[in-house]
Amino acid sequence: MKTIKALPVALIALLAFVVLPAAGASAHEWLIQNQKLEGPVSITGEQSLTLELLFTGLKIGCGTKTTGRVGVGNDASGEIERIAGEAFPGPIPCHVENGGTSKATSVEIEPLGLPWKTSLVEGKYGAVNLEVSSKTLGWEIIENSPIKKSFVCKRGAEPMIGKGLQTYGHFVGEVYETHVGARYENEGLSCNSEVLIVEGSEFFTHRFGGYLSVT
């Protein structure tokens, strides 16, 4: 299985991350300054994504900025409230890595159904995963070419889960594979006349300062 190794560009605020256990914790939790949250806090982050339309072979790279919040409770539930490019509002521009059989000269994406619900769940080998379980989760892929095409791609019953939250130097983030949130490798988001495969990485920081960690 292939993973994306390249880190995204620097976050808006560079904060050091640590992963520390919470004494007596019965569920996974977000911490700030090694202390349990007293209530929801705002987060910001960046995604580095590669999206591929399986049937046409169109492969694009996209960079996005994320804002949202994380919370407290048994599943540390939160929301991804906004995903945008450099210009907001509006579609997110992407660069074409492989055109496949598509004649697209440029491609844009837009997230669908925001906000997306998130929670912390137990993964393989004790890993802490960020699960995105919103039924409305999806992307619209807009191909700009002589004949403009738009593919609406939505997640089915399966939640979107990465490989576990990890520490990468100054970042805590999650790496996604081609089979993210699906039962089988190379299964992706269902689109009209297509299948969308998503790879990439996502990194978060506390929006207003402080050391964010997870346990």
C-alpha atoms as a PDB file:
ATOM      1  CA  MET A   1       0.000   0.000   0.000  1.00  0.00           C
ATOM      2  CA  LYS A   2       1.336   3.400  -0.975  1.00  0.00           C
ATOM      3  CA  THR A   3       1.405   6.328   1.397  1.00  0.00           C
ATOM      4  CA  ILE A   4       2.158   9.955   0.737  1.00  0.00           C
ATOM      5  CA  LYS A   5       5.492  10.880   2.338  1.00  0.00           C
ATOM      6  CA  ALA A   6       5.685  14.577   1.501  1.00  0.00           C
ATOM      7  CA  LEU A   7       4.680  16.933   4.288  1.00  0.00           C
ATOM      8  CA  PRO A   8       2.401  19.871   3.482  1.00  0.00           C
ATOM      9  CA  VAL A   9       3.604  23.447   3.563  1.00  0.00           C
ATOM     10  CA  ALA A  10       4.105  25.030   6.979  1.00  0.00           C
ATOM     11  CA  LEU A  11       1.040  25.585   9.107  1.00  0.00           C
ATOM     12  CA  ILE A  12      -0.203  29.075   9.831  1.00  0.00           C
ATOM     13  CA  ALA A  13       1.213  28.767  13.358  1.00  0.00           C
ATOM     14  CA  LEU A  14       4.129  26.397  13.969  1.00  0.00           C
ATOM     15  CA  LEU A  15       3.595  24.751  17.335  1.00  0.00           C
ATOM     16  CA  ALA A  16       5.489  21.830  18.871  1.00  0.00           C
ATOM     17  CA  PHE A  17       3.385  18.722  19.402  1.00  0.00           C
ATOM     18  CA  VAL A  18       3.822  15.886  21.863  1.00  0.00           C
ATOM     19  CA  VAL A  19       1.827  12.719  22.392  1.00  0.00           C
ATOM     20  CA  LEU A  20       1.458  12.004  26.104  1.00  0.00           C
ATOM     21  CA  PRO A  21      -0.809   9.608  28.015  1.00  0.00           C
ATOM     22  CA  ALA A  22      -3.517  10.962  30.303  1.00  0.00           C
ATOM     23  CA  ALA A  23      -3.437   9.217  33.663  1.00  0.00           C
ATOM     24  CA  GLY A  24      -6.481   7.065  34.174  1.00  0.00           C
ATOM     25  CA  ALA A  25      -8.017   8.003  30.848  1.00  0.00           C
ATOM     26  CA  SER A  26     -10.714   5.558  29.768  1.00  0.00           C
ATOM     27  CA  ALA A  27     -11.114   7.001  26.270  1.00  0.00           C
ATOM     28  CA  HIS A  28      -9.013   8.912  23.775  1.00  0.00           C
ATOM     29  CA  GLU A  29      -8.800  12.621  24.433  1.00  0.00           C
ATOM     30  CA  TRP A  30      -7.365  15.843  23.070  1.00  0.00           C
ATOM     31  CA  LEU A  31      -5.072  17.700  25.470  1.00  0.00           C
ATOM     32  CA  ILE A  32      -3.703  21.242  25.594  1.00  0.00           C
ATOM     33  CA  GLN A  33      -0.538  21.863  27.613  1.00  0.00           C
ATOM     34  CA  ASN A  34      -0.939  18.217  28.756  1.00  0.00           C
ATOM     35  CA  GLN A  35      -4.275  19.067  30.380  1.00  0.00           C
ATOM     36  CA  LYS A  36      -7.710  17.747  29.501  1.00  0.00           C
ATOM     37  CA  LEU A  37      -9.927  20.135  27.592  1.00  0.00           C
ATOM     38  CA  GLU A  38     -12.612  21.888  29.604  1.00  0.00           C
ATOM     39  CA  GLY A  39     -14.641  22.485  26.474  1.00  0.00           C
ATOM     40  CA  PRO A  40     -14.361  22.608  22.670  1.00  0.00           C
ATOM     41  CA  VAL A  41     -11.336  24.440  21.226  1.00  0.00           C
ATOM     42  CA  SER A  42     -10.702  25.772  17.732  1.00  0.00           C
ATOM     43  CA  ILE A  43      -8.105  24.127  15.502  1.00  0.00           C
ATOM     44  CA  THR A  44      -6.484  24.923  12.194  1.00  0.00           C
ATOM     45  CA  GLY A  45      -4.512  22.717   9.855  1.00  0.00           C
ATOM     46  CA  GLU A  46      -3.461  21.911   6.339  1.00  0.00           C
ATOM     47  CA  GLN A  47      -4.063  19.009   4.019  1.00  0.00           C
ATOM     48  CA  SER A  48      -1.852  17.755   1.222  1.00  0.00           C
ATOM     49  CA  LEU A  49      -4.089  15.623  -0.970  1.00  0.00           C
ATOM     50  CA  THR A  50      -3.777  13.539  -4.102  1.00  0.00           C
ATOM     51  CA  LEU A  51      -7.097  12.672  -5.727  1.00  0.00           C
ATOM     52  CA  GLU A  52      -7.515  10.268  -8.627  1.00  0.00           C
ATOM     53  CA  LEU A  53     -10.574   9.538 -10.726  1.00  0.00           C
ATOM     54  CA  LEU A  54     -10.118   5.808 -11.190  1.00  0.00           C
ATOM     55  CA  PHE A  55     -11.803   5.231 -14.561  1.00  0.00           C
ATOM     56  CA  THR A  56     -10.357   8.180 -16.484  1.00  0.00           C
ATOM     57  CA  GLY A  57      -6.981   8.150 -14.704  1.00  0.00           C
ATOM     58  CA  LEU A  58      -7.061  11.889 -13.957  1.00  0.00           C
ATOM     59  CA  LYS A  59      -4.758  12.502 -10.966  1.00  0.00           C
ATOM     60  CA  ILE A  60      -4.534  15.873  -9.215  1.00  0.00           C
ATOM     61  CA  GLY A  61      -2.642  17.361  -6.269  1.00  0.00           C
ATOM     62  CA  CYS A  62      -4.365  19.843  -3.966  1.00  0.00           C
ATOM     63  CA  GLY A  63      -3.385  21.867  -0.921  1.00  0.00           C
ATOM     64  CA  THR A  64      -6.093  22.997   1.481  1.00  0.00           C
ATOM     65  CA  LYS A  65      -6.459  24.882   4.749  1.00  0.00           C
ATOM     66  CA  THR A  66      -8.775  23.484   7.410  1.00  0.00           C
ATOM     67  CA  THR A  67     -10.535  25.114  10.338  1.00  0.00           C
ATOM     68  CA  GLY A  68     -12.764  23.451  12.885  1.00  0.00           C
ATOM     69  CA  ARG A  69     -12.923  22.395  16.498  1.00  0.00           C
ATOM     70  CA  VAL A  70     -12.259  19.414  18.727  1.00  0.00           C
ATOM     71  CA  GLY A  71     -14.074  18.617  21.925  1.00  0.00           C
ATOM     72  CA  VAL A  72     -14.372  16.582  25.074  1.00  0.00           C
ATOM     73  CA  GLY A  73     -16.335  13.499  26.050  1.00  0.00           C
ATOM     74  CA  ASN A  74     -15.984   9.798  25.413  1.00  0.00           C
ATOM     75  CA  ASP A  75     -15.185  10.262  21.719  1.00  0.00           C
ATOM     76  CA  ALA A  76     -13.731  13.823  21.779  1.00  0.00           C
ATOM     77  CA  SER A  77     -16.284  14.735  19.129  1.00  0.00           C
ATOM     78  CA  GLY A  78     -15.628  17.741  16.931  1.00  0.00           C
ATOM     79  CA  GLU A  79     -16.230  19.196  13.494  1.00  0.00           C
ATOM     80  CA  ILE A  80     -14.329  20.165  10.383  1.00  0.00           C
ATOM     81  CA  GLU A  81     -16.108  23.423   9.655  1.00  0.00           C
ATOM     82  CA  ARG A  82     -14.273  24.802   6.622  1.00  0.00           C
ATOM     83  CA  ILE A  83     -11.880  23.511   3.972  1.00  0.00           C
ATOM     84  CA  ALA A  84     -10.565  26.132   1.580  1.00  0.00           C
ATOM     85  CA  GLY A  85      -7.753  27.134  -0.740  1.00  0.00           C
ATOM     86  CA  GLU A  86      -5.798  30.378  -0.745  1.00  0.00           C
ATOM     87  CA  ALA A  87      -8.897  32.236  -1.920  1.00  0.00           C
ATOM     88  CA  PHE A  88     -12.039  31.839   0.157  1.00  0.00           C
ATOM     89  CA  PRO A  89     -14.827  31.407  -0.674  1.00  0.00           C
ATOM     90  CA  GLY A  90     -14.627  29.572  -3.959  1.00  0.00           C
ATOM     91  CA  PRO A  91     -13.356  26.326  -5.489  1.00  0.00           C
ATOM     92  CA  ILE A  92      -9.899  25.064  -4.499  1.00  0.00           C
ATOM     93  CA  PRO A  93      -7.445  25.042  -7.441  1.00  0.00           C
ATOM     94  CA  CYS A  94      -5.399  21.881  -7.969  1.00  0.00           C
ATOM     95  CA  HIS A  95      -2.532  20.960 -10.293  1.00  0.00           C
ATOM     96  CA  VAL A  96      -2.819  18.087 -12.762  1.00  0.00           C
ATOM     97  CA  GLU A  97      -0.278  15.329 -12.083  1.00  0.00           C
ATOM     98  CA  ASN A  98      -1.603  12.919 -14.704  1.00  0.00           C
ATOM     99  CA  GLY A  99      -4.344  13.772 -17.180  1.00  0.00           C
ATOM    100  CA  GLY A 100      -5.186  10.182 -18.030  1.00  0.00           C
ATOM    101  CA  THR A 101      -7.851  10.180 -20.712  1.00  0.00           C
ATOM    102  CA  SER A 102      -9.230  13.484 -19.449  1.00  0.00           C
ATOM    103  CA  LYS A 103      -8.799  16.627 -21.533  1.00  0.00           C
ATOM    104  CA  ALA A 104      -8.896  18.873 -18.455  1.00  0.00           C
ATOM    105  CA  THR A 105      -6.673  21.944 -18.667  1.00  0.00           C
ATOM    106  CA  SER A 106      -7.256  22.786 -14.998  1.00  0.00           C
ATOM    107  CA  VAL A 107      -9.122  21.177 -12.121  1.00  0.00           C
ATOM    108  CA  GLU A 108     -10.817  22.550  -9.008  1.00  0.00           C
ATOM    109  CA  ILE A 109     -12.364  20.814  -6.022  1.00  0.00           C
ATOM    110  CA  GLU A 110     -15.013  21.768  -3.469  1.00  0.00           C
ATOM    111  CA  PRO A 111     -15.870  19.979  -0.204  1.00  0.00           C
ATOM    112  CA  LEU A 112     -19.480  18.867   0.137  1.00  0.00           C
ATOM    113  CA  GLY A 113     -21.734  18.697   3.161  1.00  0.00           C
ATOM    114  CA  LEU A 114     -19.635  20.656   5.657  1.00  0.00           C
ATOM    115  CA  PRO A 115     -19.385  20.596   8.620  1.00  0.00           C
ATOM    116  CA  TRP A 116     -17.995  17.047   8.851  1.00  0.00           C
ATOM    117  CA  LYS A 117     -18.293  15.310  12.226  1.00  0.00           C
ATOM    118  CA  THR A 118     -15.085  13.943  13.778  1.00  0.00           C
ATOM    119  CA  SER A 119     -14.179  11.775  16.752  1.00  0.00           C
ATOM    120  CA  LEU A 120     -11.202   9.912  18.206  1.00  0.00           C
ATOM    121  CA  VAL A 121     -11.412   6.123  17.958  1.00  0.00           C
ATOM    122  CA  GLU A 122      -9.216   3.133  18.733  1.00  0.00           C
ATOM    123  CA  GLY A 123      -7.309   1.838  15.707  1.00  0.00           C
ATOM    124  CA  LYS A 124      -5.027  -1.094  14.995  1.00  0.00           C
ATOM    125  CA  TYR A 125      -2.258  -1.844  17.483  1.00  0.00           C
ATOM    126  CA  GLY A 126      -3.534   0.811  19.887  1.00  0.00           C
ATOM    127  CA  ALA A 127      -3.245   3.688  17.418  1.00  0.00           C
ATOM    128  CA  VAL A 128      -5.446   6.734  17.955  1.00  0.00           C
ATOM    129  CA  ASN A 129      -7.410   7.522  14.808  1.00  0.00           C
ATOM    130  CA  LEU A 130      -9.352  10.596  13.776  1.00  0.00           C
ATOM    131  CA  GLU A 131     -12.614   9.315  12.316  1.00  0.00           C
ATOM    132  CA  VAL A 132     -14.726  11.432   9.977  1.00  0.00           C
ATOM    133  CA  SER A 133     -18.152   9.851  10.007  1.00  0.00           C
ATOM    134  CA  SER A 134     -20.447  12.443   8.453  1.00  0.00           C
ATOM    135  CA  LYS A 135     -22.916  10.942   6.010  1.00  0.00           C
ATOM    136  CA  THR A 136     -22.673  14.122   3.967  1.00  0.00           C
ATOM    137  CA  LEU A 137     -18.889  13.894   3.433  1.00  0.00           C
ATOM    138  CA  GLY A 138     -17.820  14.292  -0.171  1.00  0.00           C
ATOM    139  CA  TRP A 139     -15.993  16.260  -2.865  1.00  0.00           C
ATOM    140  CA  GLU A 140     -16.979  17.822  -6.143  1.00  0.00           C
ATOM    141  CA  ILE A 141     -14.305  17.532  -8.851  1.00  0.00           C
ATOM    142  CA  ILE A 142     -14.622  20.224 -11.527  1.00  0.00           C
ATOM    143  CA  GLU A 143     -12.699  19.652 -14.766  1.00  0.00           C
ATOM    144  CA  ASN A 144     -12.185  22.774 -16.852  1.00  0.00           C
ATOM    145  CA  SER A 145     -11.766  21.778 -20.487  1.00  0.00           C
ATOM    146  CA  PRO A 146     -13.470  22.469 -23.808  1.00  0.00           C
ATOM    147  CA  ILE A 147     -16.357  20.473 -22.309  1.00  0.00           C
ATOM    148  CA  LYS A 148     -16.620  21.293 -18.599  1.00  0.00           C
ATOM    149  CA  LYS A 149     -17.302  18.255 -16.394  1.00  0.00           C
ATOM    150  CA  SER A 150     -18.266  17.998 -12.754  1.00  0.00           C
ATOM    151  CA  PHE A 151     -18.121  14.800 -10.670  1.00  0.00           C
ATOM    152  CA  VAL A 152     -19.947  14.681  -7.333  1.00  0.00           C
ATOM    153  CA  CYS A 153     -18.254  12.104  -5.094  1.00  0.00           C
ATOM    154  CA  LYS A 154     -19.706  11.057  -1.744  1.00  0.00           C
ATOM    155  CA  ARG A 155     -18.719   8.674   1.015  1.00  0.00           C
ATOM    156  CA  GLY A 156     -20.967   5.706   1.578  1.00  0.00           C
ATOM    157  CA  ALA A 157     -21.697   4.009   4.899  1.00  0.00           C
ATOM    158  CA  GLU A 158     -18.014   3.639   5.801  1.00  0.00           C
ATOM    159  CA  PRO A 159     -16.372   6.392   7.885  1.00  0.00           C
ATOM    160  CA  MET A 160     -13.124   7.995   6.725  1.00  0.00           C
ATOM    161  CA  ILE A 161     -10.209   6.879   8.914  1.00  0.00           C
ATOM    162  CA  GLY A 162      -6.485   7.404   8.398  1.00  0.00           C
ATOM    163  CA  LYS A 163      -3.534   5.397   9.696  1.00  0.00           C
ATOM    164  CA  GLY A 164      -3.471   6.911  13.178  1.00  0.00           C
ATOM    165  CA  LEU A 165      -2.415  10.254  14.611  1.00  0.00           C
ATOM    166  CA  GLN A 166       1.385  10.516  14.743  1.00  0.00           C
ATOM    167  CA  THR A 167       4.035  13.064  15.696  1.00  0.00           C
ATOM    168  CA  TYR A 168       6.081  14.495  12.795  1.00  0.00           C
ATOM    169  CA  GLY A 169       8.612  16.870  14.310  1.00  0.00           C
ATOM    170  CA  HIS A 170       6.583  19.964  15.089  1.00  0.00           C
ATOM    171  CA  PHE A 171       3.341  18.467  13.766  1.00  0.00           C
ATOM    172  CA  VAL A 172       0.712  15.963  14.807  1.00  0.00           C
ATOM    173  CA  GLY A 173      -1.150  14.592  11.855  1.00  0.00           C
ATOM    174  CA  GLU A 174      -2.612  11.663  10.005  1.00  0.00           C
ATOM    175  CA  VAL A 175      -1.602   9.988   6.746  1.00  0.00           C
ATOM    176  CA  TYR A 176      -4.294   8.656   4.425  1.00  0.00           C
ATOM    177  CA  GLU A 177      -4.021   5.789   1.956  1.00  0.00           C
ATOM    178  CA  THR A 178      -5.921   4.891  -1.173  1.00  0.00           C
ATOM    179  CA  HIS A 179      -8.316   2.705   0.810  1.00  0.00           C
ATOM    180  CA  VAL A 180      -9.109   5.291   3.473  1.00  0.00           C
ATOM    181  CA  GLY A 181     -12.551   4.738   4.945  1.00  0.00           C
ATOM    182  CA  ALA A 182     -13.256   1.761   2.700  1.00  0.00           C
ATOM    183  CA  ARG A 183     -13.418  -1.970   3.272  1.00  0.00           C
ATOM    184  CA  TYR A 184     -11.080  -2.863   0.432  1.00  0.00           C
ATOM    185  CA  GLU A 185      -7.899  -1.412  -1.017  1.00  0.00           C
ATOM    186  CA  ASN A 186      -8.553   0.871  -4.002  1.00  0.00           C
ATOM    187  CA  GLU A 187     -12.168   1.366  -3.031  1.00  0.00           C
ATOM    188  CA  GLY A 188     -12.910   5.085  -2.960  1.00  0.00           C
ATOM    189  CA  LEU A 189     -15.735   7.586  -2.923  1.00  0.00           C
ATOM    190  CA  SER A 190     -18.625   6.824  -5.228  1.00  0.00           C
ATOM    191  CA  CYS A 191     -19.119   9.452  -7.946  1.00  0.00           C
ATOM    192  CA  ASN A 192     -21.430   9.824 -10.890  1.00  0.00           C
ATOM    193  CA  SER A 193     -19.862   7.481 -13.481  1.00  0.00           C
ATOM    194  CA  GLU A 194     -16.564   7.447 -11.520  1.00  0.00           C
ATOM    195  CA  VAL A 195     -14.726   6.367  -8.368  1.00  0.00           C
ATOM    196  CA  LEU A 196     -12.548   8.830  -6.456  1.00  0.00           C
ATOM    197  CA  ILE A 197      -9.377   7.625  -4.705  1.00  0.00           C
ATOM    198  CA  VAL A 198      -7.934   9.865  -1.968  1.00  0.00           C
ATOM    199  CA  GLU A 199      -4.387   9.839  -0.586  1.00  0.00           C
ATOM    200  CA  GLY A 200      -2.572  12.406   1.461  1.00  0.00           C
ATOM    201  CA  SER A 201      -1.867  13.829   4.882  1.00  0.00           C
ATOM    202  CA  GLU A 202      -3.494  16.263   7.279  1.00  0.00           C
ATOM    203  CA  PHE A 203      -1.934  18.192  10.163  1.00  0.00           C
ATOM    204  CA  PHE A 204      -3.585  20.135  12.965  1.00  0.00           C
ATOM    205  CA  THR A 205      -2.644  22.791  15.519  1.00  0.00           C
ATOM    206  CA  HIS A 206      -4.535  24.699  18.195  1.00  0.00           C
ATOM    207  CA  ARG A 207      -5.826  27.828  16.515  1.00  0.00           C
ATOM    208  CA  PHE A 208      -4.989  30.246  19.325  1.00  0.00           C
ATOM    209  CA  GLY A 209      -1.729  28.790  20.643  1.00  0.00           C
ATOM    210  CA  GLY A 210      -0.793  26.142  23.179  1.00  0.00           C
ATOM    211  CA  TYR A 211       0.610  22.654  22.763  1.00  0.00           C
ATOM    212  CA  LEU A 212      -1.998  20.287  21.339  1.00  0.00           C
ATOM    213  CA  SER A 213      -1.666  16.544  21.865  1.00  0.00           C
ATOM    214  CA  VAL A 214      -3.813  13.429  21.854  1.00  0.00           C
ATOM    215  CA  THR A 215      -3.995  10.350  24.008  1.00  0.00           C
END
